Amino acid sequence: MIEKRKKGESVCESSMEATSSPPNLPSDLIMQILSWLPVKFLIRFTSVSKHWKSLILDPNFAKLHLQKSPKNTHHTHRTR
């Protein structure tokens, strides 16, 4: 079925209306994916949506992220 565009509306605007809502992914899947990302990206992603912000700021997410982070990334040890 071909939809008609409104007068003065571009093709992109017309197609965006049909796909403007993001796909619904389970929160636990989003948390698993985000948990692999560096913190600087997570800070940026808090502005994606209120839902993502609440997931990223959740204490359980912080624990999950810490479990997946490489060990000893904050300390450098020199051997002589």
C-alpha atoms as a PDB file:
ATOM      1  CA  MET A   1       0.000   0.000   0.000  1.00  0.00           C
ATOM      2  CA  ILE A   2       1.404   3.390  -0.992  1.00  0.00           C
ATOM      3  CA  GLU A   3       0.722   6.275   1.364  1.00  0.00           C
ATOM      4  CA  LYS A   4       0.138   9.744   0.020  1.00  0.00           C
ATOM      5  CA  ARG A   5       2.321  12.541   1.295  1.00  0.00           C
ATOM      6  CA  LYS A   6       0.914  15.751   2.657  1.00  0.00           C
ATOM      7  CA  LYS A   7       1.441  18.822   0.527  1.00  0.00           C
ATOM      8  CA  GLY A   8       4.968  20.196   1.108  1.00  0.00           C
ATOM      9  CA  GLU A   9       6.116  17.079   2.977  1.00  0.00           C
ATOM     10  CA  SER A  10       9.323  15.425   1.843  1.00  0.00           C
ATOM     11  CA  VAL A  11       9.734  11.701   1.272  1.00  0.00           C
ATOM     12  CA  CYS A  12      11.928  11.440   4.392  1.00  0.00           C
ATOM     13  CA  GLU A  13       9.342  13.133   6.594  1.00  0.00           C
ATOM     14  CA  SER A  14       6.625  10.868   5.267  1.00  0.00           C
ATOM     15  CA  SER A  15       8.601   7.683   5.869  1.00  0.00           C
ATOM     16  CA  MET A  16       9.731   8.834   9.334  1.00  0.00           C
ATOM     17  CA  GLU A  17       6.135   8.976  10.541  1.00  0.00           C
ATOM     18  CA  ALA A  18       5.711   5.265   9.891  1.00  0.00           C
ATOM     19  CA  THR A  19       8.952   4.309  11.681  1.00  0.00           C
ATOM     20  CA  SER A  20       9.211   6.981  14.370  1.00  0.00           C
ATOM     21  CA  SER A  21       8.734   4.635  17.334  1.00  0.00           C
ATOM     22  CA  PRO A  22      11.823   2.637  18.296  1.00  0.00           C
ATOM     23  CA  PRO A  23      11.601  -1.141  18.553  1.00  0.00           C
ATOM     24  CA  ASN A  24      10.665  -2.444  21.981  1.00  0.00           C
ATOM     25  CA  LEU A  25      13.570  -4.420  23.399  1.00  0.00           C
ATOM     26  CA  PRO A  26      13.454  -6.004  26.841  1.00  0.00           C
ATOM     27  CA  SER A  27      15.175  -3.921  29.515  1.00  0.00           C
ATOM     28  CA  ASP A  28      17.446  -6.792  30.524  1.00  0.00           C
ATOM     29  CA  LEU A  29      18.703  -7.093  26.927  1.00  0.00           C
ATOM     30  CA  ILE A  30      19.397  -3.344  26.761  1.00  0.00           C
ATOM     31  CA  MET A  31      21.245  -3.581  30.090  1.00  0.00           C
ATOM     32  CA  GLN A  32      23.359  -6.484  28.810  1.00  0.00           C
ATOM     33  CA  ILE A  33      24.333  -4.572  25.669  1.00  0.00           C
ATOM     34  CA  LEU A  34      25.062  -1.317  27.501  1.00  0.00           C
ATOM     35  CA  SER A  35      27.087  -3.101  30.164  1.00  0.00           C
ATOM     36  CA  TRP A  36      29.861  -3.774  27.631  1.00  0.00           C
ATOM     37  CA  LEU A  37      30.341  -0.094  26.781  1.00  0.00           C
ATOM     38  CA  PRO A  38      32.848   2.326  28.317  1.00  0.00           C
ATOM     39  CA  VAL A  39      31.545   4.718  30.965  1.00  0.00           C
ATOM     40  CA  LYS A  40      32.053   7.813  28.787  1.00  0.00           C
ATOM     41  CA  PHE A  41      29.532   6.417  26.280  1.00  0.00           C
ATOM     42  CA  LEU A  42      27.091   5.497  29.034  1.00  0.00           C
ATOM     43  CA  ILE A  43      27.136   9.075  30.274  1.00  0.00           C
ATOM     44  CA  ARG A  44      26.222  10.254  26.770  1.00  0.00           C
ATOM     45  CA  PHE A  45      23.516   7.611  26.440  1.00  0.00           C
ATOM     46  CA  THR A  46      21.664   8.844  29.531  1.00  0.00           C
ATOM     47  CA  SER A  47      20.241  11.531  27.252  1.00  0.00           C
ATOM     48  CA  VAL A  48      18.787   9.019  24.746  1.00  0.00           C
ATOM     49  CA  SER A  49      15.606   8.519  26.748  1.00  0.00           C
ATOM     50  CA  LYS A  50      14.258   8.548  30.282  1.00  0.00           C
ATOM     51  CA  HIS A  51      14.153   4.758  30.177  1.00  0.00           C
ATOM     52  CA  TRP A  52      17.839   4.427  29.254  1.00  0.00           C
ATOM     53  CA  LYS A  53      18.769   6.987  31.902  1.00  0.00           C
ATOM     54  CA  SER A  54      16.953   5.014  34.578  1.00  0.00           C
ATOM     55  CA  LEU A  55      18.626   1.774  33.403  1.00  0.00           C
ATOM     56  CA  ILE A  56      22.121   3.273  33.383  1.00  0.00           C
ATOM     57  CA  LEU A  57      21.695   4.923  36.791  1.00  0.00           C
ATOM     58  CA  ASP A  58      20.258   1.765  38.363  1.00  0.00           C
ATOM     59  CA  PRO A  59      22.592   0.314  41.077  1.00  0.00           C
ATOM     60  CA  ASN A  60      22.099  -3.186  39.627  1.00  0.00           C
ATOM     61  CA  PHE A  61      23.385  -1.946  36.275  1.00  0.00           C
ATOM     62  CA  ALA A  62      26.455  -0.480  37.993  1.00  0.00           C
ATOM     63  CA  LYS A  63      27.194  -3.896  39.527  1.00  0.00           C
ATOM     64  CA  LEU A  64      26.735  -5.617  36.166  1.00  0.00           C
ATOM     65  CA  HIS A  65      28.989  -3.087  34.433  1.00  0.00           C
ATOM     66  CA  LEU A  66      31.669  -3.465  37.103  1.00  0.00           C
ATOM     67  CA  GLN A  67      31.616  -7.264  36.719  1.00  0.00           C
ATOM     68  CA  LYS A  68      32.266  -6.962  32.984  1.00  0.00           C
ATOM     69  CA  SER A  69      34.930  -4.279  33.185  1.00  0.00           C
ATOM     70  CA  PRO A  70      38.556  -5.340  32.789  1.00  0.00           C
ATOM     71  CA  LYS A  71      40.343  -5.874  36.077  1.00  0.00           C
ATOM     72  CA  ASN A  72      42.970  -3.395  37.309  1.00  0.00           C
ATOM     73  CA  THR A  73      42.372  -0.760  34.658  1.00  0.00           C
ATOM     74  CA  HIS A  74      42.873   2.084  37.147  1.00  0.00           C
ATOM     75  CA  HIS A  75      46.216   0.982  38.565  1.00  0.00           C
ATOM     76  CA  THR A  76      49.406   0.577  36.671  1.00  0.00           C
ATOM     77  CA  HIS A  77      52.103  -1.584  38.209  1.00  0.00           C
ATOM     78  CA  ARG A  78      55.709  -1.259  37.217  1.00  0.00           C
ATOM     79  CA  THR A  79      58.158  -4.036  37.753  1.00  0.00           C
ATOM     80  CA  ARG A  80      61.843  -3.273  37.895  1.00  0.00           C
END
